[in-house]
């Protein structure tokens, strides 16, 4: 019986690569752009190297952002090597323009403790 992966936190952070899609929806198309990128990410979530994704809508109705954690930057090529993924991703062109960027974490900052703030 297959198990469902569970998101969890580790005591020590792992090096992580992030994909950031900034999707500029055409007027009145934010919900449609959100639905399309959600479909794309759900498809990608079954691929090796996918860790998690955060999909967000701007409060002004103009953009959608996908912040996606992946195990390695090489996974981007594997995602775009999948014809189904490419077809789903291309549907965004009808309702938006978008930017696609890959980032590696350079610094991880946690909330300061009360003791650190007092010194």
Protein backbone atom coordinates (compact mmCIF):
# COMPACT_ATOMS: atom_id res chain seq x y z
CA UNK A 1 0.00 0.00 0.00
CA UNK A 2 1.58 3.35 -1.04
CA UNK A 3 2.26 5.93 1.62
CA UNK A 4 1.53 9.62 1.31
CA UNK A 5 4.59 11.84 1.85
CA UNK A 6 4.26 14.12 4.84
CA UNK A 7 5.71 17.63 5.01
CA UNK A 8 7.88 18.10 8.06
CA UNK A 9 10.57 20.32 9.51
CA UNK A 10 14.12 19.20 10.23
CA UNK A 11 16.32 20.45 13.06
CA UNK A 12 19.01 21.37 10.54
CA UNK A 13 17.99 22.86 7.17
CA UNK A 14 18.88 21.03 3.97
CA UNK A 15 20.33 22.90 0.99
CA UNK A 16 17.33 23.67 -1.17
CA UNK A 17 16.69 24.96 -4.66
CA UNK A 18 13.60 27.05 -5.31
CA UNK A 19 11.70 27.66 -8.49
CA UNK A 20 9.81 30.95 -8.45
CA UNK A 21 7.14 31.53 -11.09
CA UNK A 22 5.70 35.03 -11.11
CA UNK A 23 2.58 34.90 -13.24
CA UNK A 24 1.15 38.24 -14.39
CA UNK A 25 -2.49 37.45 -15.12
CA UNK A 26 -4.34 39.22 -17.90
CA UNK A 27 -7.16 41.40 -16.49
CA UNK A 28 -9.80 39.26 -14.83
CA UNK A 29 -7.79 36.04 -15.33
CA UNK A 30 -6.10 35.57 -11.93
CA UNK A 31 -8.34 32.67 -10.88
CA UNK A 32 -7.81 30.91 -14.21
CA UNK A 33 -4.03 31.42 -14.01
CA UNK A 34 -4.09 30.04 -10.44
CA UNK A 35 -6.04 26.95 -11.57
CA UNK A 36 -3.60 26.31 -14.43
CA UNK A 37 -0.43 26.58 -12.33
CA UNK A 38 -2.09 24.44 -9.66
CA UNK A 39 -2.67 21.75 -12.30
CA UNK A 40 0.96 22.08 -13.46
CA UNK A 41 2.32 21.77 -9.92
CA UNK A 42 0.07 18.82 -9.05
CA UNK A 43 1.48 17.06 -12.12
CA UNK A 44 5.06 17.93 -11.10
CA UNK A 45 4.43 16.75 -7.54
CA UNK A 46 4.57 13.16 -8.74
CA UNK A 47 8.07 13.60 -10.19
CA UNK A 48 11.31 12.69 -8.41
CA UNK A 49 12.97 15.71 -6.81
CA UNK A 50 9.76 17.64 -6.11
CA UNK A 51 9.67 18.66 -2.44
CA UNK A 52 6.75 21.10 -2.02
CA UNK A 53 5.06 24.15 -3.50
CA UNK A 54 3.37 27.27 -2.16
CA UNK A 55 0.83 28.81 -4.56
CA UNK A 56 -0.30 32.34 -3.75
CA UNK A 57 -2.59 34.98 -5.25
CA UNK A 58 -1.79 38.68 -4.92
CA UNK A 59 -4.39 40.70 -3.08
CA UNK A 60 -4.69 43.13 -6.02
CA UNK A 61 -5.89 40.40 -8.41
CA UNK A 62 -2.97 40.80 -10.81
CA UNK A 63 -0.44 38.04 -10.06
CA UNK A 64 -0.02 34.45 -8.97
CA UNK A 65 3.22 33.11 -7.51
CA UNK A 66 4.46 29.54 -7.35
CA UNK A 67 7.35 29.05 -4.94
CA UNK A 68 8.45 25.47 -5.38
CA UNK A 69 11.20 23.60 -3.56
CA UNK A 70 13.08 20.98 -5.54
CA UNK A 71 15.97 18.71 -4.64
CA UNK A 72 18.34 19.84 -7.38
CA UNK A 73 18.44 22.41 -10.20
CA UNK A 74 18.76 19.55 -12.70
CA UNK A 75 15.14 18.66 -11.94
CA UNK A 76 13.98 21.71 -13.94
CA UNK A 77 15.17 20.05 -17.15
CA UNK A 78 13.46 16.81 -16.16
CA UNK A 79 10.16 18.62 -15.58
CA UNK A 80 10.35 20.40 -18.95
CA UNK A 81 11.39 17.15 -20.61
CA UNK A 82 7.92 15.78 -19.83
CA UNK A 83 5.56 16.58 -22.76
CA UNK A 84 2.49 16.54 -20.48
CA UNK A 85 4.14 19.05 -18.13
CA UNK A 86 5.09 21.30 -21.08
CA UNK A 87 1.54 21.17 -22.48
CA UNK A 88 0.02 22.07 -19.12
CA UNK A 89 2.55 24.87 -18.52
CA UNK A 90 1.95 26.33 -21.99
CA UNK A 91 -1.73 26.89 -21.11
CA UNK A 92 -0.58 29.84 -18.98
CA UNK A 93 0.25 31.78 -22.16
CA UNK A 94 -3.46 32.26 -22.93
CA UNK A 95 -4.18 33.99 -19.61
CA UNK A 96 -0.89 35.55 -18.52
CA UNK A 97 2.72 36.41 -19.03
CA UNK A 98 5.18 34.87 -16.62
CA UNK A 99 8.70 34.84 -15.28
CA UNK A 100 10.53 31.68 -14.26
CA UNK A 101 13.58 31.82 -11.99
CA UNK A 102 15.71 29.25 -10.16
CA UNK A 103 17.29 30.14 -6.81
CA UNK A 104 19.62 28.40 -4.36
CA UNK A 105 19.23 29.38 -0.70
CA UNK A 106 22.09 31.67 0.32
CA UNK A 107 21.06 32.43 3.89
CA UNK A 108 18.39 31.05 6.18
CA UNK A 109 17.29 33.39 8.96
CA UNK A 110 15.07 32.30 11.82
CA UNK A 111 13.17 34.61 14.20
CA UNK A 112 15.48 36.12 16.79
CA UNK A 113 15.11 34.80 20.32
CA UNK A 114 14.15 37.19 23.13
CA UNK A 115 17.69 36.85 24.54
CA UNK A 116 19.27 37.84 21.22
CA UNK A 117 16.99 40.87 20.90
CA UNK A 118 17.87 42.03 24.43
CA UNK A 119 21.63 42.04 23.77
